[in-house]
Amino acid sequence: ATGRTGKHIIQEALNSGHRISAIARDPNQLKDFEIDITAGTP
């Protein structure tokens, strides 16, 4: 989710009304999105 492609997918999914969950080592990289973030590694 924190990569270029992941961020585009998150934005498009949110625009379409979906809810998003993501895993991030650094949750601050996703602070601009209203999503569920699990801190850690895949």
PDB file of all heavy atoms in Angstrom:
ATOM      1  N   ALA A   1       0.797  -1.230   0.000  1.00  0.00           N
ATOM      2  CA  ALA A   1       0.000   0.000   0.000  1.00  0.00           C
ATOM      3  C   ALA A   1       0.828   1.278   0.000  1.00  0.00           C
ATOM      4  O   ALA A   1       0.357   2.310  -0.476  1.00  0.00           O
ATOM      5  CB  ALA A   1      -0.940   0.008   1.201  1.00  0.00           C
ATOM      6  N   THR A   2       2.046   1.248   0.507  1.00  0.00           N
ATOM      7  CA  THR A   2       2.837   2.467   0.595  1.00  0.00           C
ATOM      8  C   THR A   2       3.602   2.787  -0.692  1.00  0.00           C
ATOM      9  O   THR A   2       4.195   3.853  -0.809  1.00  0.00           O
ATOM     10  CB  THR A   2       3.837   2.410   1.763  1.00  0.00           C
ATOM     11  OG1 THR A   2       4.720   1.299   1.575  1.00  0.00           O
ATOM     12  CG2 THR A   2       3.110   2.286   3.093  1.00  0.00           C
ATOM     13  N   GLY A   3       3.576   1.875  -1.646  1.00  0.00           N
ATOM     14  CA  GLY A   3       4.247   2.118  -2.924  1.00  0.00           C
ATOM     15  C   GLY A   3       3.400   2.956  -3.863  1.00  0.00           C
ATOM     16  O   GLY A   3       2.238   3.259  -3.583  1.00  0.00           O
ATOM     17  N   ARG A   4       3.982   3.328  -4.995  1.00  0.00           N
ATOM     18  CA  ARG A   4       3.258   4.164  -5.974  1.00  0.00           C
ATOM     19  C   ARG A   4       1.981   3.501  -6.467  1.00  0.00           C
ATOM     20  O   ARG A   4       0.919   4.109  -6.481  1.00  0.00           O
ATOM     21  CB  ARG A   4       4.154   4.485  -7.165  1.00  0.00           C
ATOM     22  CG  ARG A   4       5.245   5.472  -6.845  1.00  0.00           C
ATOM     23  CD  ARG A   4       6.133   5.652  -8.027  1.00  0.00           C
ATOM     24  NE  ARG A   4       6.780   4.338  -8.262  1.00  0.00           N
ATOM     25  CZ  ARG A   4       7.738   4.121  -9.107  1.00  0.00           C
ATOM     26  NH1 ARG A   4       8.185   5.075  -9.863  1.00  0.00           N
ATOM     27  NH2 ARG A   4       8.274   2.933  -9.240  1.00  0.00           N
ATOM     28  N   THR A   5       2.071   2.243  -6.857  1.00  0.00           N
ATOM     29  CA  THR A   5       0.898   1.540  -7.368  1.00  0.00           C
ATOM     30  C   THR A   5      -0.127   1.338  -6.261  1.00  0.00           C
ATOM     31  O   THR A   5      -1.327   1.529  -6.470  1.00  0.00           O
ATOM     32  CB  THR A   5       1.298   0.181  -7.977  1.00  0.00           C
ATOM     33  OG1 THR A   5       2.276   0.405  -8.998  1.00  0.00           O
ATOM     34  CG2 THR A   5       0.096  -0.544  -8.552  1.00  0.00           C
ATOM     35  N   GLY A   6       0.337   0.960  -5.081  1.00  0.00           N
ATOM     36  CA  GLY A   6      -0.565   0.738  -3.956  1.00  0.00           C
ATOM     37  C   GLY A   6      -1.371   1.978  -3.601  1.00  0.00           C
ATOM     38  O   GLY A   6      -2.577   1.893  -3.351  1.00  0.00           O
ATOM     39  N   LYS A   7      -0.726   3.125  -3.592  1.00  0.00           N
ATOM     40  CA  LYS A   7      -1.430   4.373  -3.267  1.00  0.00           C
ATOM     41  C   LYS A   7      -2.482   4.720  -4.318  1.00  0.00           C
ATOM     42  O   LYS A   7      -3.552   5.217  -3.985  1.00  0.00           O
ATOM     43  CB  LYS A   7      -0.436   5.515  -3.071  1.00  0.00           C
ATOM     44  CG  LYS A   7       0.325   5.392  -1.770  1.00  0.00           C
ATOM     45  CD  LYS A   7       1.293   6.537  -1.566  1.00  0.00           C
ATOM     46  CE  LYS A   7       2.035   6.382  -0.239  1.00  0.00           C
ATOM     47  NZ  LYS A   7       3.012   7.445  -0.035  1.00  0.00           N
ATOM     48  N   HIS A   8      -2.193   4.438  -5.582  1.00  0.00           N
ATOM     49  CA  HIS A   8      -3.184   4.680  -6.641  1.00  0.00           C
ATOM     50  C   HIS A   8      -4.390   3.752  -6.468  1.00  0.00           C
ATOM     51  O   HIS A   8      -5.532   4.175  -6.627  1.00  0.00           O
ATOM     52  CB  HIS A   8      -2.579   4.483  -8.032  1.00  0.00           C
ATOM     53  CG  HIS A   8      -1.668   5.587  -8.454  1.00  0.00           C
ATOM     54  ND1 HIS A   8      -2.113   6.872  -8.686  1.00  0.00           N
ATOM     55  CD2 HIS A   8      -0.335   5.589  -8.701  1.00  0.00           C
ATOM     56  CE1 HIS A   8      -1.087   7.628  -9.043  1.00  0.00           C
ATOM     57  NE2 HIS A   8       0.006   6.877  -9.062  1.00  0.00           N
ATOM     58  N   ILE A   9      -4.111   2.503  -6.152  1.00  0.00           N
ATOM     59  CA  ILE A   9      -5.202   1.544  -5.957  1.00  0.00           C
ATOM     60  C   ILE A   9      -6.057   1.954  -4.766  1.00  0.00           C
ATOM     61  O   ILE A   9      -7.296   1.905  -4.831  1.00  0.00           O
ATOM     62  CB  ILE A   9      -4.644   0.120  -5.784  1.00  0.00           C
ATOM     63  CG1 ILE A   9      -4.114  -0.367  -7.127  1.00  0.00           C
ATOM     64  CG2 ILE A   9      -5.713  -0.830  -5.229  1.00  0.00           C
ATOM     65  CD1 ILE A   9      -3.366  -1.667  -7.074  1.00  0.00           C
ATOM     66  N   ILE A  10      -5.428   2.369  -3.669  1.00  0.00           N
ATOM     67  CA  ILE A  10      -6.182   2.823  -2.499  1.00  0.00           C
ATOM     68  C   ILE A  10      -7.094   3.980  -2.878  1.00  0.00           C
ATOM     69  O   ILE A  10      -8.282   3.982  -2.549  1.00  0.00           O
ATOM     70  CB  ILE A  10      -5.235   3.249  -1.357  1.00  0.00           C
ATOM     71  CG1 ILE A  10      -4.565   2.029  -0.751  1.00  0.00           C
ATOM     72  CG2 ILE A  10      -5.991   4.035  -0.279  1.00  0.00           C
ATOM     73  CD1 ILE A  10      -3.473   2.358   0.248  1.00  0.00           C
ATOM     74  N   GLN A  11      -6.569   4.984  -3.569  1.00  0.00           N
ATOM     75  CA  GLN A  11      -7.370   6.152  -3.923  1.00  0.00           C
ATOM     76  C   GLN A  11      -8.548   5.771  -4.816  1.00  0.00           C
ATOM     77  O   GLN A  11      -9.670   6.220  -4.594  1.00  0.00           O
ATOM     78  CB  GLN A  11      -6.519   7.223  -4.600  1.00  0.00           C
ATOM     79  CG  GLN A  11      -7.248   8.539  -4.768  1.00  0.00           C
ATOM     80  CD  GLN A  11      -7.684   9.128  -3.437  1.00  0.00           C
ATOM     81  OE1 GLN A  11      -6.853   9.446  -2.602  1.00  0.00           O
ATOM     82  NE2 GLN A  11      -8.985   9.258  -3.223  1.00  0.00           N
ATOM     83  N   GLU A  12      -8.306   4.943  -5.807  1.00  0.00           N
ATOM     84  CA  GLU A  12      -9.384   4.524  -6.716  1.00  0.00           C
ATOM     85  C   GLU A  12     -10.442   3.711  -5.979  1.00  0.00           C
ATOM     86  O   GLU A  12     -11.638   3.887  -6.212  1.00  0.00           O
ATOM     87  CB  GLU A  12      -8.823   3.724  -7.890  1.00  0.00           C
ATOM     88  CG  GLU A  12      -8.073   4.567  -8.890  1.00  0.00           C
ATOM     89  CD  GLU A  12      -8.944   5.645  -9.527  1.00  0.00           C
ATOM     90  OE1 GLU A  12     -10.097   5.364  -9.901  1.00  0.00           O
ATOM     91  OE2 GLU A  12      -8.464   6.784  -9.634  1.00  0.00           O
ATOM     92  N   ALA A  13     -10.004   2.833  -5.082  1.00  0.00           N
ATOM     93  CA  ALA A  13     -10.956   2.018  -4.323  1.00  0.00           C
ATOM     94  C   ALA A  13     -11.795   2.892  -3.390  1.00  0.00           C
ATOM     95  O   ALA A  13     -13.012   2.698  -3.274  1.00  0.00           O
ATOM     96  CB  ALA A  13     -10.215   0.948  -3.534  1.00  0.00           C
ATOM     97  N   LEU A  14     -11.161   3.853  -2.735  1.00  0.00           N
ATOM     98  CA  LEU A  14     -11.912   4.767  -1.868  1.00  0.00           C
ATOM     99  C   LEU A  14     -12.899   5.599  -2.686  1.00  0.00           C
ATOM    100  O   LEU A  14     -14.043   5.804  -2.264  1.00  0.00           O
ATOM    101  CB  LEU A  14     -10.957   5.680  -1.098  1.00  0.00           C
ATOM    102  CG  LEU A  14     -10.121   5.011  -0.016  1.00  0.00           C
ATOM    103  CD1 LEU A  14      -9.092   5.989   0.546  1.00  0.00           C
ATOM    104  CD2 LEU A  14     -10.996   4.464   1.101  1.00  0.00           C
ATOM    105  N   ASN A  15     -12.476   6.067  -3.852  1.00  0.00           N
ATOM    106  CA  ASN A  15     -13.362   6.836  -4.727  1.00  0.00           C
ATOM    107  C   ASN A  15     -14.577   6.019  -5.166  1.00  0.00           C
ATOM    108  O   ASN A  15     -15.633   6.568  -5.441  1.00  0.00           O
ATOM    109  CB  ASN A  15     -12.617   7.336  -5.968  1.00  0.00           C
ATOM    110  CG  ASN A  15     -11.605   8.413  -5.655  1.00  0.00           C
ATOM    111  OD1 ASN A  15     -11.613   9.009  -4.588  1.00  0.00           O
ATOM    112  ND2 ASN A  15     -10.711   8.657  -6.597  1.00  0.00           N
ATOM    113  N   SER A  16     -14.402   4.702  -5.215  1.00  0.00           N
ATOM    114  CA  SER A  16     -15.484   3.805  -5.614  1.00  0.00           C
ATOM    115  C   SER A  16     -16.328   3.341  -4.429  1.00  0.00           C
ATOM    116  O   SER A  16     -17.214   2.516  -4.594  1.00  0.00           O
ATOM    117  CB  SER A  16     -14.913   2.585  -6.344  1.00  0.00           C
ATOM    118  OG  SER A  16     -14.281   2.987  -7.538  1.00  0.00           O
ATOM    119  N   GLY A  17     -16.008   3.835  -3.230  1.00  0.00           N
ATOM    120  CA  GLY A  17     -16.812   3.521  -2.055  1.00  0.00           C
ATOM    121  C   GLY A  17     -16.397   2.289  -1.274  1.00  0.00           C
ATOM    122  O   GLY A  17     -17.129   1.838  -0.393  1.00  0.00           O
ATOM    123  N   HIS A  18     -15.231   1.742  -1.571  1.00  0.00           N
ATOM    124  CA  HIS A  18     -14.758   0.559  -0.848  1.00  0.00           C
ATOM    125  C   HIS A  18     -14.050   0.959   0.443  1.00  0.00           C
ATOM    126  O   HIS A  18     -13.580   2.087   0.586  1.00  0.00           O
ATOM    127  CB  HIS A  18     -13.808  -0.257  -1.726  1.00  0.00           C
ATOM    128  CG  HIS A  18     -14.445  -0.756  -2.971  1.00  0.00           C
ATOM    129  ND1 HIS A  18     -15.416  -1.724  -2.986  1.00  0.00           N
ATOM    130  CD2 HIS A  18     -14.268  -0.395  -4.271  1.00  0.00           C
ATOM    131  CE1 HIS A  18     -15.805  -1.955  -4.220  1.00  0.00           C
ATOM    132  NE2 HIS A  18     -15.120  -1.144  -5.027  1.00  0.00           N
ATOM    133  N   ARG A  19     -13.970   0.018   1.360  1.00  0.00           N
ATOM    134  CA  ARG A  19     -13.191   0.203   2.583  1.00  0.00           C
ATOM    135  C   ARG A  19     -11.849  -0.493   2.357  1.00  0.00           C
ATOM    136  O   ARG A  19     -11.777  -1.504   1.679  1.00  0.00           O
ATOM    137  CB  ARG A  19     -13.917  -0.415   3.778  1.00  0.00           C
ATOM    138  CG  ARG A  19     -15.210   0.331   4.107  1.00  0.00           C
ATOM    139  CD  ARG A  19     -16.007  -0.338   5.215  1.00  0.00           C
ATOM    140  NE  ARG A  19     -16.490  -1.621   4.732  1.00  0.00           N
ATOM    141  CZ  ARG A  19     -16.342  -2.778   5.373  1.00  0.00           C
ATOM    142  NH1 ARG A  19     -15.755  -2.840   6.535  1.00  0.00           N
ATOM    143  NH2 ARG A  19     -16.795  -3.904   4.860  1.00  0.00           N
ATOM    144  N   ILE A  20     -10.793   0.067   2.947  1.00  0.00           N
ATOM    145  CA  ILE A  20      -9.445  -0.432   2.704  1.00  0.00           C
ATOM    146  C   ILE A  20      -8.758  -0.817   3.997  1.00  0.00           C
ATOM    147  O   ILE A  20      -8.848  -0.118   5.004  1.00  0.00           O
ATOM    148  CB  ILE A  20      -8.580   0.635   1.983  1.00  0.00           C
ATOM    149  CG1 ILE A  20      -9.223   1.067   0.670  1.00  0.00           C
ATOM    150  CG2 ILE A  20      -7.152   0.132   1.761  1.00  0.00           C
ATOM    151  CD1 ILE A  20      -9.320  -0.012  -0.364  1.00  0.00           C
ATOM    152  N   SER A  21      -8.032  -1.926   3.927  1.00  0.00           N
ATOM    153  CA  SER A  21      -7.126  -2.352   4.977  1.00  0.00           C
ATOM    154  C   SER A  21      -5.741  -2.420   4.351  1.00  0.00           C
ATOM    155  O   SER A  21      -5.609  -2.754   3.174  1.00  0.00           O
ATOM    156  CB  SER A  21      -7.542  -3.738   5.500  1.00  0.00           C
ATOM    157  OG  SER A  21      -6.650  -4.201   6.488  1.00  0.00           O
ATOM    158  N   ALA A  22      -4.719  -2.081   5.124  1.00  0.00           N
ATOM    159  CA  ALA A  22      -3.354  -2.102   4.597  1.00  0.00           C
ATOM    160  C   ALA A  22      -2.378  -2.468   5.695  1.00  0.00           C
ATOM    161  O   ALA A  22      -2.649  -2.270   6.879  1.00  0.00           O
ATOM    162  CB  ALA A  22      -2.985  -0.747   4.015  1.00  0.00           C
ATOM    163  N   ILE A  23      -1.230  -2.994   5.290  1.00  0.00           N
ATOM    164  CA  ILE A  23      -0.118  -3.283   6.199  1.00  0.00           C
ATOM    165  C   ILE A  23       0.996  -2.311   5.851  1.00  0.00           C
ATOM    166  O   ILE A  23       1.314  -2.120   4.674  1.00  0.00           O
ATOM    167  CB  ILE A  23       0.385  -4.724   6.008  1.00  0.00           C
ATOM    168  CG1 ILE A  23      -0.734  -5.720   6.327  1.00  0.00           C
ATOM    169  CG2 ILE A  23       1.612  -4.982   6.878  1.00  0.00           C
ATOM    170  CD1 ILE A  23      -0.405  -7.145   5.955  1.00  0.00           C
ATOM    171  N   ALA A  24       1.575  -1.692   6.880  1.00  0.00           N
ATOM    172  CA  ALA A  24       2.669  -0.744   6.626  1.00  0.00           C
ATOM    173  C   ALA A  24       3.675  -0.794   7.757  1.00  0.00           C
ATOM    174  O   ALA A  24       3.293  -0.786   8.924  1.00  0.00           O
ATOM    175  CB  ALA A  24       2.124   0.669   6.478  1.00  0.00           C
ATOM    176  N   ARG A  25       4.950  -0.847   7.401  1.00  0.00           N
ATOM    177  CA  ARG A  25       5.998  -0.750   8.430  1.00  0.00           C
ATOM    178  C   ARG A  25       5.964   0.632   9.054  1.00  0.00           C
ATOM    179  O   ARG A  25       6.218   0.800  10.231  1.00  0.00           O
ATOM    180  CB  ARG A  25       7.370  -1.028   7.809  1.00  0.00           C
ATOM    181  CG  ARG A  25       7.600  -2.481   7.490  1.00  0.00           C
ATOM    182  CD  ARG A  25       9.001  -2.696   6.956  1.00  0.00           C
ATOM    183  NE  ARG A  25       9.150  -2.028   5.675  1.00  0.00           N
ATOM    184  CZ  ARG A  25       9.290  -2.650   4.519  1.00  0.00           C
ATOM    185  NH1 ARG A  25       9.331  -3.952   4.485  1.00  0.00           N
ATOM    186  NH2 ARG A  25       9.405  -1.976   3.396  1.00  0.00           N
ATOM    187  N   ASP A  26       5.657   1.649   8.235  1.00  0.00           N
ATOM    188  CA  ASP A  26       5.550   3.022   8.712  1.00  0.00           C
ATOM    189  C   ASP A  26       4.152   3.547   8.385  1.00  0.00           C
ATOM    190  O   ASP A  26       3.921   4.078   7.298  1.00  0.00           O
ATOM    191  CB  ASP A  26       6.611   3.897   8.043  1.00  0.00           C
ATOM    192  CG  ASP A  26       6.554   5.346   8.489  1.00  0.00           C
ATOM    193  OD1 ASP A  26       5.782   5.670   9.425  1.00  0.00           O
ATOM    194  OD2 ASP A  26       7.279   6.165   7.895  1.00  0.00           O
ATOM    195  N   PRO A  27       3.199   3.387   9.312  1.00  0.00           N
ATOM    196  CA  PRO A  27       1.824   3.830   9.060  1.00  0.00           C
ATOM    197  C   PRO A  27       1.696   5.303   8.686  1.00  0.00           C
ATOM    198  O   PRO A  27       0.735   5.688   8.028  1.00  0.00           O
ATOM    199  CB  PRO A  27       1.112   3.534  10.380  1.00  0.00           C
ATOM    200  CG  PRO A  27       1.888   2.411  10.981  1.00  0.00           C
ATOM    201  CD  PRO A  27       3.322   2.713  10.602  1.00  0.00           C
ATOM    202  N   ASN A  28       2.663   6.132   9.052  1.00  0.00           N
ATOM    203  CA  ASN A  28       2.613   7.556   8.702  1.00  0.00           C
ATOM    204  C   ASN A  28       2.629   7.782   7.188  1.00  0.00           C
ATOM    205  O   ASN A  28       2.174   8.815   6.715  1.00  0.00           O
ATOM    206  CB  ASN A  28       3.774   8.319   9.346  1.00  0.00           C
ATOM    207  CG  ASN A  28       3.563   8.507  10.830  1.00  0.00           C
ATOM    208  OD1 ASN A  28       2.435   8.679  11.286  1.00  0.00           O
ATOM    209  ND2 ASN A  28       4.645   8.448  11.588  1.00  0.00           N
ATOM    210  N   GLN A  29       3.124   6.814   6.427  1.00  0.00           N
ATOM    211  CA  GLN A  29       3.146   6.945   4.971  1.00  0.00           C
ATOM    212  C   GLN A  29       1.743   6.904   4.371  1.00  0.00           C
ATOM    213  O   GLN A  29       1.551   7.274   3.217  1.00  0.00           O
ATOM    214  CB  GLN A  29       3.998   5.843   4.348  1.00  0.00           C
ATOM    215  CG  GLN A  29       5.464   5.998   4.621  1.00  0.00           C
ATOM    216  CD  GLN A  29       6.284   4.964   3.868  1.00  0.00           C
ATOM    217  OE1 GLN A  29       5.833   4.384   2.881  1.00  0.00           O
ATOM    218  NE2 GLN A  29       7.495   4.732   4.327  1.00  0.00           N
ATOM    219  N   LEU A  30       0.767   6.451   5.168  1.00  0.00           N
ATOM    220  CA  LEU A  30      -0.612   6.340   4.686  1.00  0.00           C
ATOM    221  C   LEU A  30      -1.558   7.270   5.435  1.00  0.00           C
ATOM    222  O   LEU A  30      -2.769   7.109   5.379  1.00  0.00           O
ATOM    223  CB  LEU A  30      -1.084   4.885   4.808  1.00  0.00           C
ATOM    224  CG  LEU A  30      -0.290   3.867   3.995  1.00  0.00           C
ATOM    225  CD1 LEU A  30      -0.714   2.460   4.365  1.00  0.00           C
ATOM    226  CD2 LEU A  30      -0.460   4.122   2.510  1.00  0.00           C
ATOM    227  N   LYS A  31      -1.003   8.262   6.115  1.00  0.00           N
ATOM    228  CA  LYS A  31      -1.810   9.149   6.961  1.00  0.00           C
ATOM    229  C   LYS A  31      -2.823   9.987   6.182  1.00  0.00           C
ATOM    230  O   LYS A  31      -3.795  10.465   6.743  1.00  0.00           O
ATOM    231  CB  LYS A  31      -0.912  10.058   7.788  1.00  0.00           C
ATOM    232  CG  LYS A  31      -0.128  11.052   6.959  1.00  0.00           C
ATOM    233  CD  LYS A  31       0.773  11.907   7.807  1.00  0.00           C
ATOM    234  CE  LYS A  31       1.549  12.833   6.878  1.00  0.00           C
ATOM    235  NZ  LYS A  31       2.593  13.527   7.534  1.00  0.00           N
ATOM    236  N   ASP A  32      -2.624  10.139   4.880  1.00  0.00           N
ATOM    237  CA  ASP A  32      -3.543  10.944   4.068  1.00  0.00           C
ATOM    238  C   ASP A  32      -4.819  10.189   3.692  1.00  0.00           C
ATOM    239  O   ASP A  32      -5.733  10.774   3.118  1.00  0.00           O
ATOM    240  CB  ASP A  32      -2.847  11.424   2.795  1.00  0.00           C
ATOM    241  CG  ASP A  32      -1.701  12.373   3.089  1.00  0.00           C
ATOM    242  OD1 ASP A  32      -1.727  13.039   4.145  1.00  0.00           O
ATOM    243  OD2 ASP A  32      -0.766  12.446   2.273  1.00  0.00           O
ATOM    244  N   PHE A  33      -4.877   8.901   4.004  1.00  0.00           N
ATOM    245  CA  PHE A  33      -6.029   8.075   3.656  1.00  0.00           C
ATOM    246  C   PHE A  33      -6.786   7.663   4.908  1.00  0.00           C
ATOM    247  O   PHE A  33      -6.187   7.381   5.935  1.00  0.00           O
ATOM    248  CB  PHE A  33      -5.582   6.798   2.927  1.00  0.00           C
ATOM    249  CG  PHE A  33      -4.832   7.048   1.653  1.00  0.00           C
ATOM    250  CD1 PHE A  33      -3.462   6.864   1.594  1.00  0.00           C
ATOM    251  CD2 PHE A  33      -5.498   7.451   0.513  1.00  0.00           C
ATOM    252  CE1 PHE A  33      -2.760   7.067   0.420  1.00  0.00           C
ATOM    253  CE2 PHE A  33      -4.808   7.667  -0.672  1.00  0.00           C
ATOM    254  CZ  PHE A  33      -3.439   7.472  -0.720  1.00  0.00           C
ATOM    255  N   GLU A  34      -8.106   7.606   4.801  1.00  0.00           N
ATOM    256  CA  GLU A  34      -8.949   7.118   5.893  1.00  0.00           C
ATOM    257  C   GLU A  34      -9.143   5.627   5.690  1.00  0.00           C
ATOM    258  O   GLU A  34     -10.130   5.192   5.084  1.00  0.00           O
ATOM    259  CB  GLU A  34     -10.277   7.865   5.905  1.00  0.00           C
ATOM    260  CG  GLU A  34     -10.100   9.344   6.117  1.00  0.00           C
ATOM    261  CD  GLU A  34     -10.939   9.874   7.256  1.00  0.00           C
ATOM    262  OE1 GLU A  34     -11.692   9.105   7.858  1.00  0.00           O
ATOM    263  OE2 GLU A  34     -10.832  11.071   7.515  1.00  0.00           O
ATOM    264  N   ILE A  35      -8.168   4.838   6.187  1.00  0.00           N
ATOM    265  CA  ILE A  35      -8.183   3.390   6.002  1.00  0.00           C
ATOM    266  C   ILE A  35      -7.756   2.712   7.300  1.00  0.00           C
ATOM    267  O   ILE A  35      -7.234   3.354   8.211  1.00  0.00           O
ATOM    268  CB  ILE A  35      -7.245   2.963   4.854  1.00  0.00           C
ATOM    269  CG1 ILE A  35      -5.791   3.334   5.164  1.00  0.00           C
ATOM    270  CG2 ILE A  35      -7.682   3.589   3.534  1.00  0.00           C
ATOM    271  CD1 ILE A  35      -4.786   2.815   4.148  1.00  0.00           C
ATOM    272  N   ASP A  36      -7.972   1.387   7.355  1.00  0.00           N
ATOM    273  CA  ASP A  36      -7.494   0.587   8.485  1.00  0.00           C
ATOM    274  C   ASP A  36      -6.051   0.195   8.199  1.00  0.00           C
ATOM    275  O   ASP A  36      -5.777  -0.433   7.172  1.00  0.00           O
ATOM    276  CB  ASP A  36      -8.332  -0.680   8.648  1.00  0.00           C
ATOM    277  CG  ASP A  36      -9.780  -0.379   8.984  1.00  0.00           C
ATOM    278  OD1 ASP A  36     -10.040   0.664   9.615  1.00  0.00           O
ATOM    279  OD2 ASP A  36     -10.642  -1.199   8.624  1.00  0.00           O
ATOM    280  N   ILE A  37      -5.147   0.566   9.102  1.00  0.00           N
ATOM    281  CA  ILE A  37      -3.727   0.258   8.899  1.00  0.00           C
ATOM    282  C   ILE A  37      -3.257  -0.665  10.007  1.00  0.00           C
ATOM    283  O   ILE A  37      -3.455  -0.385  11.188  1.00  0.00           O
ATOM    284  CB  ILE A  37      -2.876   1.537   8.908  1.00  0.00           C
ATOM    285  CG1 ILE A  37      -3.357   2.508   7.831  1.00  0.00           C
ATOM    286  CG2 ILE A  37      -1.399   1.191   8.709  1.00  0.00           C
ATOM    287  CD1 ILE A  37      -2.726   3.880   7.930  1.00  0.00           C
ATOM    288  N   THR A  38      -2.622  -1.759   9.601  1.00  0.00           N
ATOM    289  CA  THR A  38      -1.990  -2.674  10.532  1.00  0.00           C
ATOM    290  C   THR A  38      -0.492  -2.448  10.426  1.00  0.00           C
ATOM    291  O   THR A  38       0.085  -2.604   9.347  1.00  0.00           O
ATOM    292  CB  THR A  38      -2.330  -4.142  10.192  1.00  0.00           C
ATOM    293  OG1 THR A  38      -3.749  -4.301  10.219  1.00  0.00           O
ATOM    294  CG2 THR A  38      -1.690  -5.091  11.185  1.00  0.00           C
ATOM    295  N   ALA A  39       0.129  -2.049  11.526  1.00  0.00           N
ATOM    296  CA  ALA A  39       1.578  -1.816  11.520  1.00  0.00           C
ATOM    297  C   ALA A  39       2.298  -3.156  11.496  1.00  0.00           C
ATOM    298  O   ALA A  39       1.949  -4.074  12.233  1.00  0.00           O
ATOM    299  CB  ALA A  39       1.986  -1.020  12.751  1.00  0.00           C
ATOM    300  N   GLY A  40       3.274  -3.253  10.605  1.00  0.00           N
ATOM    301  CA  GLY A  40       4.046  -4.486  10.525  1.00  0.00           C
ATOM    302  C   GLY A  40       4.512  -4.752   9.121  1.00  0.00           C
ATOM    303  O   GLY A  40       4.588  -3.844   8.290  1.00  0.00           O
ATOM    304  N   THR A  41       4.790  -6.008   8.860  1.00  0.00           N
ATOM    305  CA  THR A  41       5.318  -6.426   7.568  1.00  0.00           C
ATOM    306  C   THR A  41       4.455  -7.547   6.991  1.00  0.00           C
ATOM    307  O   THR A  41       3.942  -8.374   7.749  1.00  0.00           O
ATOM    308  CB  THR A  41       6.782  -6.890   7.690  1.00  0.00           C
ATOM    309  OG1 THR A  41       7.219  -7.410   6.437  1.00  0.00           O
ATOM    310  CG2 THR A  41       6.963  -7.934   8.754  1.00  0.00           C
ATOM    311  N   PRO A  42       4.305  -7.596   5.683  1.00  0.00           N
ATOM    312  CA  PRO A  42       3.515  -8.666   5.081  1.00  0.00           C
ATOM    313  C   PRO A  42       4.208 -10.026   5.138  1.00  0.00           C
ATOM    314  O   PRO A  42       3.632 -11.031   4.726  1.00  0.00           O
ATOM    315  CB  PRO A  42       3.329  -8.203   3.633  1.00  0.00           C
ATOM    316  CG  PRO A  42       4.465  -7.291   3.381  1.00  0.00           C
ATOM    317  CD  PRO A  42       4.749  -6.628   4.696  1.00  0.00           C
TER     318      PRO A  42
END
